Amino acid sequence: MNKLSFRGNWNEIKGKLKQKYANLTDDDLTFIEGKEDQLFGRLQQRTGRTREQLREEIEKL
């Protein structure tokens, strides 16, 4: 998934991530353009998954 398609589907992805990981907050999932690394870092902290695991999960959503 490239950055453009990731951003284009972000609202849908955000909702699915919140369903899957109830401990994520809106603040955790606030996506600021150009801050993809920070987003993945926060997701890693909250979920305990690697960046690659998260990418694979997001691509499947």
PDB file of N, CA and C in Angstrom:
ATOM      1  N   MET A   1       0.858  -1.170   0.000  1.00  0.00           N
ATOM      2  CA  MET A   1       0.000   0.000   0.000  1.00  0.00           C
ATOM      3  C   MET A   1       0.897   1.222   0.000  1.00  0.00           C
ATOM      4  N   ASN A   2       0.686   2.119  -0.954  1.00  0.00           N
ATOM      5  CA  ASN A   2       1.513   3.314  -0.981  1.00  0.00           C
ATOM      6  C   ASN A   2       0.882   4.410  -0.125  1.00  0.00           C
ATOM      7  N   LYS A   3       1.623   5.484   0.086  1.00  0.00           N
ATOM      8  CA  LYS A   3       1.144   6.541   0.983  1.00  0.00           C
ATOM      9  C   LYS A   3      -0.150   7.160   0.487  1.00  0.00           C
ATOM     10  N   LEU A   4      -0.284   7.333  -0.833  1.00  0.00           N
ATOM     11  CA  LEU A   4      -1.478   7.958  -1.365  1.00  0.00           C
ATOM     12  C   LEU A   4      -2.715   7.114  -1.094  1.00  0.00           C
ATOM     13  N   SER A   5      -2.635   5.824  -1.341  1.00  0.00           N
ATOM     14  CA  SER A   5      -3.806   4.981  -1.089  1.00  0.00           C
ATOM     15  C   SER A   5      -4.049   4.848   0.406  1.00  0.00           C
ATOM     16  N   PHE A   6      -2.985   4.859   1.206  1.00  0.00           N
ATOM     17  CA  PHE A   6      -3.131   4.806   2.660  1.00  0.00           C
ATOM     18  C   PHE A   6      -3.911   6.021   3.134  1.00  0.00           C
ATOM     19  N   ARG A   7      -3.535   7.190   2.664  1.00  0.00           N
ATOM     20  CA  ARG A   7      -4.227   8.414   3.077  1.00  0.00           C
ATOM     21  C   ARG A   7      -5.654   8.440   2.569  1.00  0.00           C
ATOM     22  N   GLY A   8      -5.866   7.960   1.373  1.00  0.00           N
ATOM     23  CA  GLY A   8      -7.195   7.973   0.787  1.00  0.00           C
ATOM     24  C   GLY A   8      -8.176   7.102   1.539  1.00  0.00           C
ATOM     25  N   ASN A   9      -7.699   6.031   2.136  1.00  0.00           N
ATOM     26  CA  ASN A   9      -8.549   5.096   2.864  1.00  0.00           C
ATOM     27  C   ASN A   9      -8.458   5.282   4.373  1.00  0.00           C
ATOM     28  N   TRP A  10      -7.855   6.364   4.817  1.00  0.00           N
ATOM     29  CA  TRP A  10      -7.525   6.499   6.228  1.00  0.00           C
ATOM     30  C   TRP A  10      -8.736   6.427   7.134  1.00  0.00           C
ATOM     31  N   ASN A  11      -9.831   7.088   6.809  1.00  0.00           N
ATOM     32  CA  ASN A  11     -10.991   7.078   7.711  1.00  0.00           C
ATOM     33  C   ASN A  11     -11.534   5.669   7.881  1.00  0.00           C
ATOM     34  N   GLU A  12     -11.584   4.929   6.811  1.00  0.00           N
ATOM     35  CA  GLU A  12     -12.050   3.542   6.889  1.00  0.00           C
ATOM     36  C   GLU A  12     -11.081   2.693   7.717  1.00  0.00           C
ATOM     37  N   ILE A  13      -9.808   2.849   7.470  1.00  0.00           N
ATOM     38  CA  ILE A  13      -8.785   2.095   8.192  1.00  0.00           C
ATOM     39  C   ILE A  13      -8.826   2.445   9.675  1.00  0.00           C
ATOM     40  N   LYS A  14      -8.969   3.721   9.974  1.00  0.00           N
ATOM     41  CA  LYS A  14      -8.997   4.186  11.363  1.00  0.00           C
ATOM     42  C   LYS A  14     -10.144   3.523  12.128  1.00  0.00           C
ATOM     43  N   GLY A  15     -11.307   3.467  11.517  1.00  0.00           N
ATOM     44  CA  GLY A  15     -12.448   2.832  12.166  1.00  0.00           C
ATOM     45  C   GLY A  15     -12.222   1.357  12.424  1.00  0.00           C
ATOM     46  N   LYS A  16     -11.631   0.677  11.456  1.00  0.00           N
ATOM     47  CA  LYS A  16     -11.375  -0.754  11.616  1.00  0.00           C
ATOM     48  C   LYS A  16     -10.308  -1.017  12.673  1.00  0.00           C
ATOM     49  N   LEU A  17      -9.294  -0.166  12.737  1.00  0.00           N
ATOM     50  CA  LEU A  17      -8.266  -0.329  13.771  1.00  0.00           C
ATOM     51  C   LEU A  17      -8.859  -0.117  15.159  1.00  0.00           C
ATOM     52  N   LYS A  18      -9.757   0.852  15.304  1.00  0.00           N
ATOM     53  CA  LYS A  18     -10.392   1.104  16.597  1.00  0.00           C
ATOM     54  C   LYS A  18     -11.263  -0.081  17.010  1.00  0.00           C
ATOM     55  N   GLN A  19     -11.891  -0.727  16.042  1.00  0.00           N
ATOM     56  CA  GLN A  19     -12.691  -1.915  16.352  1.00  0.00           C
ATOM     57  C   GLN A  19     -11.793  -3.065  16.797  1.00  0.00           C
ATOM     58  N   LYS A  20     -10.667  -3.233  16.115  1.00  0.00           N
ATOM     59  CA  LYS A  20      -9.772  -4.351  16.404  1.00  0.00           C
ATOM     60  C   LYS A  20      -8.989  -4.136  17.701  1.00  0.00           C
ATOM     61  N   TYR A  21      -8.551  -2.909  17.935  1.00  0.00           N
ATOM     62  CA  TYR A  21      -7.747  -2.585  19.117  1.00  0.00           C
ATOM     63  C   TYR A  21      -8.488  -1.519  19.922  1.00  0.00           C
ATOM     64  N   ALA A  22      -9.335  -1.961  20.824  1.00  0.00           N
ATOM     65  CA  ALA A  22     -10.194  -1.051  21.583  1.00  0.00           C
ATOM     66  C   ALA A  22      -9.405  -0.054  22.430  1.00  0.00           C
ATOM     67  N   ASN A  23      -8.150  -0.358  22.749  1.00  0.00           N
ATOM     68  CA  ASN A  23      -7.368   0.544  23.596  1.00  0.00           C
ATOM     69  C   ASN A  23      -6.797   1.736  22.829  1.00  0.00           C
ATOM     70  N   LEU A  24      -6.979   1.796  21.516  1.00  0.00           N
ATOM     71  CA  LEU A  24      -6.511   2.942  20.741  1.00  0.00           C
ATOM     72  C   LEU A  24      -7.476   4.109  20.931  1.00  0.00           C
ATOM     73  N   THR A  25      -6.936   5.295  21.080  1.00  0.00           N
ATOM     74  CA  THR A  25      -7.760   6.483  21.234  1.00  0.00           C
ATOM     75  C   THR A  25      -7.805   7.252  19.920  1.00  0.00           C
ATOM     76  N   ASP A  26      -8.703   8.223  19.852  1.00  0.00           N
ATOM     77  CA  ASP A  26      -8.748   9.092  18.673  1.00  0.00           C
ATOM     78  C   ASP A  26      -7.408   9.805  18.499  1.00  0.00           C
ATOM     79  N   ASP A  27      -6.814  10.217  19.607  1.00  0.00           N
ATOM     80  CA  ASP A  27      -5.510  10.882  19.532  1.00  0.00           C
ATOM     81  C   ASP A  27      -4.458   9.961  18.937  1.00  0.00           C
ATOM     82  N   ASP A  28      -4.513   8.677  19.309  1.00  0.00           N
ATOM     83  CA  ASP A  28      -3.557   7.721  18.764  1.00  0.00           C
ATOM     84  C   ASP A  28      -3.682   7.623  17.246  1.00  0.00           C
ATOM     85  N   LEU A  29      -4.896   7.737  16.778  1.00  0.00           N
ATOM     86  CA  LEU A  29      -5.150   7.511  15.360  1.00  0.00           C
ATOM     87  C   LEU A  29      -5.244   8.785  14.532  1.00  0.00           C
ATOM     88  N   THR A  30      -4.989   9.915  15.176  1.00  0.00           N
ATOM     89  CA  THR A  30      -4.994  11.154  14.417  1.00  0.00           C
ATOM     90  C   THR A  30      -3.815  11.131  13.462  1.00  0.00           C
ATOM     91  N   PHE A  31      -4.137  11.194  12.188  1.00  0.00           N
ATOM     92  CA  PHE A  31      -3.087  11.103  11.171  1.00  0.00           C
ATOM     93  C   PHE A  31      -2.801  12.493  10.642  1.00  0.00           C
ATOM     94  N   ILE A  32      -1.602  12.956  10.901  1.00  0.00           N
ATOM     95  CA  ILE A  32      -1.174  14.254  10.402  1.00  0.00           C
ATOM     96  C   ILE A  32      -0.295  13.986   9.198  1.00  0.00           C
ATOM     97  N   GLU A  33      -0.637  14.616   8.090  1.00  0.00           N
ATOM     98  CA  GLU A  33       0.102  14.372   6.848  1.00  0.00           C
ATOM     99  C   GLU A  33       1.602  14.491   7.083  1.00  0.00           C
ATOM    100  N   GLY A  34       2.330  13.500   6.602  1.00  0.00           N
ATOM    101  CA  GLY A  34       3.777  13.494   6.767  1.00  0.00           C
ATOM    102  C   GLY A  34       4.236  12.895   8.071  1.00  0.00           C
ATOM    103  N   LYS A  35       3.341  12.407   8.897  1.00  0.00           N
ATOM    104  CA  LYS A  35       3.704  11.877  10.206  1.00  0.00           C
ATOM    105  C   LYS A  35       3.491  10.368  10.277  1.00  0.00           C
ATOM    106  N   GLU A  36       3.621   9.684   9.160  1.00  0.00           N
ATOM    107  CA  GLU A  36       3.379   8.242   9.122  1.00  0.00           C
ATOM    108  C   GLU A  36       4.264   7.494  10.123  1.00  0.00           C
ATOM    109  N   ASP A  37       5.524   7.879  10.245  1.00  0.00           N
ATOM    110  CA  ASP A  37       6.425   7.200  11.179  1.00  0.00           C
ATOM    111  C   ASP A  37       5.932   7.336  12.616  1.00  0.00           C
ATOM    112  N   GLN A  38       5.460   8.511  12.977  1.00  0.00           N
ATOM    113  CA  GLN A  38       4.944   8.710  14.331  1.00  0.00           C
ATOM    114  C   GLN A  38       3.693   7.879  14.557  1.00  0.00           C
ATOM    115  N   LEU A  39       2.839   7.811  13.549  1.00  0.00           N
ATOM    116  CA  LEU A  39       1.628   7.008  13.668  1.00  0.00           C
ATOM    117  C   LEU A  39       1.984   5.550  13.902  1.00  0.00           C
ATOM    118  N   PHE A  40       2.887   4.997  13.095  1.00  0.00           N
ATOM    119  CA  PHE A  40       3.258   3.600  13.268  1.00  0.00           C
ATOM    120  C   PHE A  40       3.945   3.372  14.614  1.00  0.00           C
ATOM    121  N   GLY A  41       4.739   4.325  15.070  1.00  0.00           N
ATOM    122  CA  GLY A  41       5.367   4.201  16.377  1.00  0.00           C
ATOM    123  C   GLY A  41       4.335   4.124  17.489  1.00  0.00           C
ATOM    124  N   ARG A  42       3.326   4.963  17.405  1.00  0.00           N
ATOM    125  CA  ARG A  42       2.274   4.960  18.415  1.00  0.00           C
ATOM    126  C   ARG A  42       1.466   3.666  18.355  1.00  0.00           C
ATOM    127  N   LEU A  43       1.152   3.205  17.145  1.00  0.00           N
ATOM    128  CA  LEU A  43       0.439   1.938  16.993  1.00  0.00           C
ATOM    129  C   LEU A  43       1.265   0.778  17.552  1.00  0.00           C
ATOM    130  N   GLN A  44       2.573   0.806  17.317  1.00  0.00           N
ATOM    131  CA  GLN A  44       3.451  -0.245  17.847  1.00  0.00           C
ATOM    132  C   GLN A  44       3.422  -0.249  19.366  1.00  0.00           C
ATOM    133  N   GLN A  45       3.478   0.922  19.980  1.00  0.00           N
ATOM    134  CA  GLN A  45       3.451   1.005  21.436  1.00  0.00           C
ATOM    135  C   GLN A  45       2.145   0.464  21.991  1.00  0.00           C
ATOM    136  N   ARG A  46       1.040   0.815  21.361  1.00  0.00           N
ATOM    137  CA  ARG A  46      -0.276   0.425  21.870  1.00  0.00           C
ATOM    138  C   ARG A  46      -0.607  -1.040  21.618  1.00  0.00           C
ATOM    139  N   THR A  47      -0.133  -1.588  20.498  1.00  0.00           N
ATOM    140  CA  THR A  47      -0.535  -2.944  20.121  1.00  0.00           C
ATOM    141  C   THR A  47       0.534  -3.993  20.390  1.00  0.00           C
ATOM    142  N   GLY A  48       1.802  -3.566  20.535  1.00  0.00           N
ATOM    143  CA  GLY A  48       2.888  -4.514  20.747  1.00  0.00           C
ATOM    144  C   GLY A  48       3.289  -5.253  19.479  1.00  0.00           C
ATOM    145  N   ARG A  49       2.847  -4.771  18.338  1.00  0.00           N
ATOM    146  CA  ARG A  49       3.173  -5.412  17.063  1.00  0.00           C
ATOM    147  C   ARG A  49       4.301  -4.651  16.379  1.00  0.00           C
ATOM    148  N   THR A  50       4.963  -5.339  15.453  1.00  0.00           N
ATOM    149  CA  THR A  50       6.025  -4.685  14.686  1.00  0.00           C
ATOM    150  C   THR A  50       5.410  -3.821  13.594  1.00  0.00           C
ATOM    151  N   ARG A  51       6.211  -2.939  13.060  1.00  0.00           N
ATOM    152  CA  ARG A  51       5.747  -2.078  11.961  1.00  0.00           C
ATOM    153  C   ARG A  51       5.286  -2.925  10.775  1.00  0.00           C
ATOM    154  N   GLU A  52       6.037  -3.960  10.463  1.00  0.00           N
ATOM    155  CA  GLU A  52       5.673  -4.825   9.335  1.00  0.00           C
ATOM    156  C   GLU A  52       4.352  -5.562   9.600  1.00  0.00           C
ATOM    157  N   GLN A  53       4.163  -6.037  10.819  1.00  0.00           N
ATOM    158  CA  GLN A  53       2.901  -6.696  11.166  1.00  0.00           C
ATOM    159  C   GLN A  53       1.731  -5.728  10.999  1.00  0.00           C
ATOM    160  N   LEU A  54       1.926  -4.495  11.451  1.00  0.00           N
ATOM    161  CA  LEU A  54       0.870  -3.498  11.335  1.00  0.00           C
ATOM    162  C   LEU A  54       0.574  -3.176   9.879  1.00  0.00           C
ATOM    163  N   ARG A  55       1.617  -3.029   9.059  1.00  0.00           N
ATOM    164  CA  ARG A  55       1.413  -2.763   7.631  1.00  0.00           C
ATOM    165  C   ARG A  55       0.600  -3.878   6.981  1.00  0.00           C
ATOM    166  N   GLU A  56       0.959  -5.116   7.299  1.00  0.00           N
ATOM    167  CA  GLU A  56       0.240  -6.265   6.723  1.00  0.00           C
ATOM    168  C   GLU A  56      -1.224  -6.253   7.166  1.00  0.00           C
ATOM    169  N   GLU A  57      -1.475  -5.968   8.436  1.00  0.00           N
ATOM    170  CA  GLU A  57      -2.843  -5.921   8.929  1.00  0.00           C
ATOM    171  C   GLU A  57      -3.637  -4.808   8.256  1.00  0.00           C
ATOM    172  N   ILE A  58      -3.031  -3.648   8.110  1.00  0.00           N
ATOM    173  CA  ILE A  58      -3.709  -2.515   7.503  1.00  0.00           C
ATOM    174  C   ILE A  58      -4.013  -2.808   6.040  1.00  0.00           C
ATOM    175  N   GLU A  59      -3.090  -3.451   5.344  1.00  0.00           N
ATOM    176  CA  GLU A  59      -3.322  -3.795   3.949  1.00  0.00           C
ATOM    177  C   GLU A  59      -4.478  -4.756   3.779  1.00  0.00           C
ATOM    178  N   LYS A  60      -4.725  -5.595   4.792  1.00  0.00           N
ATOM    179  CA  LYS A  60      -5.814  -6.566   4.731  1.00  0.00           C
ATOM    180  C   LYS A  60      -7.165  -5.940   5.069  1.00  0.00           C
ATOM    181  N   LEU A  61      -7.167  -4.771   5.718  1.00  0.00           N
ATOM    182  CA  LEU A  61      -8.432  -4.141   6.125  1.00  0.00           C
ATOM    183  C   LEU A  61      -9.255  -3.721   4.933  1.00  0.00           C
TER     184      LEU A  61
END
